[in-house]
Amino acid sequence: MLSHDVYFTLANPSDEAIAALVADCRHYLDGHDGVVFFAAGTLEPELARPVNDRAFHVALHVVFDSRASHDRYQTDPRHLEFIARNKPTWAQVRVFDSDC
């Protein structure tokens, strides 16, 4: 399996902008072939320990059954549309891919 975790920092971190990005994650990025787990959500404000990285507004977690499924997802038209619609709102994007 391959875990694809993405952390988005928004240029405008308003509640509306954060909610819109989470909604687009759920609309465009869930339900792809090979996805065994999907979640999109926001920073948990109560978890502010020194070890917590809090430099994001929206977190995306997608676990794929294989590297091949992940690679197809990267070029899927729905994924590319998500990027085109949302990229202008991002101040920073960090991607963490791991074998699991």
N, C-alpha and C. Protein backbone atom coordinates (compact mmCIF):
# COMPACT_ATOMS: atom_id res chain seq x y z
N MET A 1 0.84 -1.18 0.00
CA MET A 1 0.00 0.00 0.00
C MET A 1 0.88 1.24 0.00
N LEU A 2 0.28 2.35 -0.43
CA LEU A 2 0.98 3.62 -0.45
C LEU A 2 0.09 4.67 0.20
N SER A 3 0.64 5.39 1.17
CA SER A 3 -0.07 6.46 1.84
C SER A 3 0.34 7.80 1.24
N HIS A 4 -0.63 8.57 0.80
CA HIS A 4 -0.43 9.88 0.18
C HIS A 4 -1.07 10.91 1.10
N ASP A 5 -0.24 11.66 1.82
CA ASP A 5 -0.71 12.65 2.78
C ASP A 5 -0.29 14.04 2.31
N VAL A 6 -1.27 14.94 2.24
CA VAL A 6 -1.02 16.28 1.73
C VAL A 6 -1.53 17.29 2.75
N TYR A 7 -0.69 18.28 3.04
CA TYR A 7 -1.03 19.33 4.00
C TYR A 7 -1.02 20.67 3.28
N PHE A 8 -2.19 21.32 3.28
CA PHE A 8 -2.39 22.57 2.57
C PHE A 8 -2.40 23.74 3.55
N THR A 9 -1.60 24.75 3.24
CA THR A 9 -1.66 26.02 3.95
C THR A 9 -2.28 27.01 2.97
N LEU A 10 -3.35 27.66 3.39
CA LEU A 10 -4.07 28.56 2.50
C LEU A 10 -3.57 30.00 2.60
N ALA A 11 -3.60 30.70 1.50
CA ALA A 11 -3.25 32.12 1.50
C ALA A 11 -4.28 32.92 2.29
N ASN A 12 -5.54 32.52 2.19
CA ASN A 12 -6.63 33.14 2.95
C ASN A 12 -7.25 32.07 3.83
N PRO A 13 -6.83 31.99 5.09
CA PRO A 13 -7.33 30.92 5.96
C PRO A 13 -8.67 31.22 6.63
N SER A 14 -9.59 31.80 5.89
CA SER A 14 -10.92 32.05 6.45
C SER A 14 -11.65 30.71 6.62
N ASP A 15 -12.62 30.70 7.49
CA ASP A 15 -13.42 29.48 7.70
C ASP A 15 -14.06 29.03 6.39
N GLU A 16 -14.51 29.98 5.58
CA GLU A 16 -15.17 29.65 4.31
C GLU A 16 -14.19 29.02 3.33
N ALA A 17 -12.99 29.57 3.25
CA ALA A 17 -11.98 29.03 2.32
C ALA A 17 -11.55 27.64 2.74
N ILE A 18 -11.38 27.43 4.03
CA ILE A 18 -11.00 26.11 4.54
C ILE A 18 -12.10 25.10 4.24
N ALA A 19 -13.35 25.46 4.52
CA ALA A 19 -14.48 24.56 4.26
C ALA A 19 -14.60 24.25 2.77
N ALA A 20 -14.34 25.23 1.92
CA ALA A 20 -14.42 25.01 0.47
C ALA A 20 -13.36 24.03 0.00
N LEU A 21 -12.15 24.13 0.53
CA LEU A 21 -11.09 23.20 0.13
C LEU A 21 -11.40 21.78 0.60
N VAL A 22 -11.88 21.63 1.83
CA VAL A 22 -12.25 20.30 2.32
C VAL A 22 -13.35 19.71 1.43
N ALA A 23 -14.34 20.52 1.08
CA ALA A 23 -15.43 20.04 0.22
C ALA A 23 -14.91 19.61 -1.15
N ASP A 24 -13.99 20.39 -1.72
CA ASP A 24 -13.42 20.01 -3.02
C ASP A 24 -12.57 18.75 -2.91
N CYS A 25 -11.84 18.58 -1.83
CA CYS A 25 -11.10 17.33 -1.62
C CYS A 25 -12.06 16.14 -1.67
N ARG A 26 -13.15 16.26 -0.95
CA ARG A 26 -14.12 15.16 -0.89
C ARG A 26 -14.79 14.93 -2.24
N HIS A 27 -15.05 15.99 -2.97
CA HIS A 27 -15.74 15.87 -4.26
C HIS A 27 -14.83 15.30 -5.35
N TYR A 28 -13.61 15.81 -5.45
CA TYR A 28 -12.73 15.46 -6.57
C TYR A 28 -11.76 14.31 -6.28
N LEU A 29 -11.43 14.08 -5.00
CA LEU A 29 -10.32 13.17 -4.71
C LEU A 29 -10.74 11.85 -4.08
N ASP A 30 -11.97 11.71 -3.63
CA ASP A 30 -12.44 10.46 -3.07
C ASP A 30 -13.01 9.58 -4.19
N GLY A 31 -13.01 8.28 -3.96
CA GLY A 31 -13.66 7.36 -4.89
C GLY A 31 -12.84 6.94 -6.09
N HIS A 32 -11.56 7.22 -6.09
CA HIS A 32 -10.71 6.78 -7.20
C HIS A 32 -10.41 5.28 -7.07
N ASP A 33 -10.17 4.64 -8.19
CA ASP A 33 -9.82 3.21 -8.18
C ASP A 33 -8.57 2.99 -7.32
N GLY A 34 -8.63 1.97 -6.50
CA GLY A 34 -7.48 1.61 -5.68
C GLY A 34 -7.40 2.31 -4.34
N VAL A 35 -8.34 3.21 -4.03
CA VAL A 35 -8.33 3.88 -2.73
C VAL A 35 -8.91 2.94 -1.68
N VAL A 36 -8.14 2.70 -0.63
CA VAL A 36 -8.63 1.85 0.46
C VAL A 36 -8.98 2.67 1.70
N PHE A 37 -8.52 3.92 1.76
CA PHE A 37 -8.89 4.83 2.85
C PHE A 37 -8.79 6.25 2.34
N PHE A 38 -9.78 7.08 2.70
CA PHE A 38 -9.78 8.49 2.32
C PHE A 38 -10.27 9.31 3.49
N ALA A 39 -9.61 10.44 3.74
CA ALA A 39 -10.08 11.41 4.74
C ALA A 39 -9.55 12.78 4.36
N ALA A 40 -10.37 13.79 4.58
CA ALA A 40 -9.96 15.19 4.42
C ALA A 40 -10.56 15.96 5.57
N GLY A 41 -9.75 16.78 6.21
CA GLY A 41 -10.25 17.53 7.35
C GLY A 41 -9.32 18.69 7.69
N THR A 42 -9.55 19.24 8.87
CA THR A 42 -8.86 20.46 9.27
C THR A 42 -7.95 20.21 10.47
N LEU A 43 -7.10 21.18 10.71
CA LEU A 43 -6.22 21.16 11.87
C LEU A 43 -7.05 21.03 13.15
N GLU A 44 -6.63 20.16 14.06
CA GLU A 44 -7.31 20.00 15.35
C GLU A 44 -6.73 21.05 16.31
N PRO A 45 -7.48 22.11 16.62
CA PRO A 45 -6.93 23.22 17.39
C PRO A 45 -6.52 22.88 18.82
N GLU A 46 -7.11 21.86 19.40
CA GLU A 46 -6.79 21.52 20.80
C GLU A 46 -5.49 20.73 20.95
N LEU A 47 -4.97 20.20 19.86
CA LEU A 47 -3.72 19.45 19.93
C LEU A 47 -2.57 20.37 19.55
N ALA A 48 -2.01 21.01 20.56
CA ALA A 48 -0.97 22.01 20.34
C ALA A 48 0.28 21.71 21.16
N ARG A 49 0.63 20.43 21.24
CA ARG A 49 1.85 20.04 21.96
C ARG A 49 3.07 20.51 21.18
N PRO A 50 4.22 20.62 21.83
CA PRO A 50 5.43 21.06 21.14
C PRO A 50 5.79 20.21 19.92
N VAL A 51 5.39 18.94 19.90
CA VAL A 51 5.74 18.06 18.78
C VAL A 51 4.76 18.17 17.61
N ASN A 52 3.63 18.84 17.80
CA ASN A 52 2.64 18.96 16.73
C ASN A 52 3.04 20.01 15.71
N ASP A 53 3.06 19.61 14.44
CA ASP A 53 3.28 20.54 13.34
C ASP A 53 1.92 21.16 13.02
N ARG A 54 1.80 22.44 13.20
CA ARG A 54 0.52 23.13 13.04
C ARG A 54 0.53 24.09 11.84
N ALA A 55 1.46 23.89 10.92
CA ALA A 55 1.61 24.80 9.78
C ALA A 55 0.77 24.36 8.59
N PHE A 56 -0.53 24.14 8.84
CA PHE A 56 -1.44 23.77 7.75
C PHE A 56 -2.86 24.10 8.18
N HIS A 57 -3.75 24.14 7.20
CA HIS A 57 -5.18 24.37 7.48
C HIS A 57 -6.03 23.15 7.12
N VAL A 58 -5.64 22.45 6.05
CA VAL A 58 -6.40 21.28 5.58
C VAL A 58 -5.44 20.12 5.38
N ALA A 59 -5.85 18.95 5.84
CA ALA A 59 -5.06 17.73 5.66
C ALA A 59 -5.86 16.75 4.80
N LEU A 60 -5.15 16.11 3.87
CA LEU A 60 -5.73 15.09 2.99
C LEU A 60 -4.96 13.80 3.21
N HIS A 61 -5.69 12.70 3.40
CA HIS A 61 -5.06 11.39 3.60
C HIS A 61 -5.73 10.40 2.65
N VAL A 62 -4.92 9.84 1.75
CA VAL A 62 -5.42 8.85 0.81
C VAL A 62 -4.46 7.66 0.84
N VAL A 63 -5.00 6.48 1.13
CA VAL A 63 -4.19 5.26 1.10
C VAL A 63 -4.64 4.46 -0.11
N PHE A 64 -3.66 4.12 -0.94
CA PHE A 64 -3.90 3.35 -2.15
C PHE A 64 -3.46 1.91 -1.97
N ASP A 65 -4.09 1.00 -2.70
CA ASP A 65 -3.73 -0.41 -2.62
C ASP A 65 -2.38 -0.72 -3.27
N SER A 66 -1.88 0.22 -4.10
CA SER A 66 -0.61 -0.03 -4.80
C SER A 66 -0.03 1.28 -5.31
N ARG A 67 1.22 1.23 -5.67
CA ARG A 67 1.88 2.38 -6.29
C ARG A 67 1.23 2.68 -7.64
N ALA A 68 0.83 1.63 -8.36
CA ALA A 68 0.19 1.83 -9.66
C ALA A 68 -1.11 2.61 -9.53
N SER A 69 -1.90 2.32 -8.52
CA SER A 69 -3.15 3.06 -8.29
C SER A 69 -2.85 4.53 -7.99
N HIS A 70 -1.86 4.77 -7.17
CA HIS A 70 -1.44 6.14 -6.86
C HIS A 70 -1.03 6.87 -8.13
N ASP A 71 -0.24 6.22 -8.97
CA ASP A 71 0.25 6.85 -10.19
C ASP A 71 -0.89 7.19 -11.15
N ARG A 72 -1.90 6.33 -11.25
CA ARG A 72 -3.07 6.62 -12.09
C ARG A 72 -3.85 7.82 -11.53
N TYR A 73 -3.99 7.88 -10.22
CA TYR A 73 -4.67 8.98 -9.54
C TYR A 73 -4.00 10.32 -9.88
N GLN A 74 -2.68 10.33 -9.92
CA GLN A 74 -1.95 11.58 -10.16
C GLN A 74 -2.29 12.21 -11.51
N THR A 75 -2.63 11.41 -12.49
CA THR A 75 -2.94 11.93 -13.83
C THR A 75 -4.43 11.87 -14.16
N ASP A 76 -5.24 11.45 -13.22
CA ASP A 76 -6.68 11.37 -13.44
C ASP A 76 -7.27 12.77 -13.65
N PRO A 77 -8.19 12.93 -14.60
CA PRO A 77 -8.78 14.24 -14.86
C PRO A 77 -9.42 14.90 -13.62
N ARG A 78 -10.04 14.11 -12.75
CA ARG A 78 -10.64 14.70 -11.53
C ARG A 78 -9.57 15.29 -10.62
N HIS A 79 -8.44 14.60 -10.47
CA HIS A 79 -7.33 15.11 -9.66
C HIS A 79 -6.77 16.38 -10.28
N LEU A 80 -6.59 16.38 -11.58
CA LEU A 80 -6.05 17.55 -12.26
C LEU A 80 -7.01 18.74 -12.19
N GLU A 81 -8.32 18.48 -12.24
CA GLU A 81 -9.31 19.55 -12.08
C GLU A 81 -9.26 20.13 -10.67
N PHE A 82 -9.12 19.26 -9.67
CA PHE A 82 -8.98 19.73 -8.29
C PHE A 82 -7.80 20.70 -8.17
N ILE A 83 -6.67 20.33 -8.74
CA ILE A 83 -5.49 21.19 -8.67
C ILE A 83 -5.76 22.52 -9.37
N ALA A 84 -6.31 22.48 -10.56
CA ALA A 84 -6.58 23.70 -11.32
C ALA A 84 -7.52 24.63 -10.57
N ARG A 85 -8.55 24.07 -9.94
CA ARG A 85 -9.53 24.88 -9.21
C ARG A 85 -8.96 25.50 -7.94
N ASN A 86 -8.06 24.77 -7.28
CA ASN A 86 -7.66 25.16 -5.94
C ASN A 86 -6.25 25.73 -5.80
N LYS A 87 -5.38 25.46 -6.73
CA LYS A 87 -3.99 25.90 -6.61
C LYS A 87 -3.84 27.40 -6.32
N PRO A 88 -4.66 28.25 -6.92
CA PRO A 88 -4.51 29.68 -6.63
C PRO A 88 -4.75 30.05 -5.16
N THR A 89 -5.40 29.18 -4.41
CA THR A 89 -5.70 29.48 -3.00
C THR A 89 -4.61 29.02 -2.05
N TRP A 90 -3.61 28.29 -2.55
CA TRP A 90 -2.60 27.69 -1.69
C TRP A 90 -1.40 28.61 -1.48
N ALA A 91 -0.99 28.76 -0.24
CA ALA A 91 0.27 29.43 0.07
C ALA A 91 1.40 28.41 0.09
N GLN A 92 1.08 27.19 0.53
CA GLN A 92 2.08 26.12 0.59
C GLN A 92 1.35 24.77 0.54
N VAL A 93 1.99 23.81 -0.10
CA VAL A 93 1.49 22.43 -0.12
C VAL A 93 2.67 21.53 0.20
N ARG A 94 2.45 20.63 1.17
CA ARG A 94 3.49 19.65 1.51
C ARG A 94 2.91 18.27 1.29
N VAL A 95 3.64 17.44 0.57
CA VAL A 95 3.20 16.08 0.22
C VAL A 95 4.14 15.08 0.88
N PHE A 96 3.54 14.10 1.56
CA PHE A 96 4.28 13.02 2.20
C PHE A 96 3.75 11.70 1.67
N ASP A 97 4.54 11.00 0.87
CA ASP A 97 4.18 9.69 0.34
C ASP A 97 5.01 8.65 1.05
N SER A 98 4.35 7.57 1.50
CA SER A 98 5.09 6.53 2.21
C SER A 98 4.52 5.16 1.88
N ASP A 99 5.40 4.19 1.90
CA ASP A 99 5.03 2.78 1.73
C ASP A 99 4.49 2.31 3.06
N CYS A 100 3.35 1.65 3.04
CA CYS A 100 2.78 1.18 4.32
C CYS A 100 2.22 -0.23 4.20
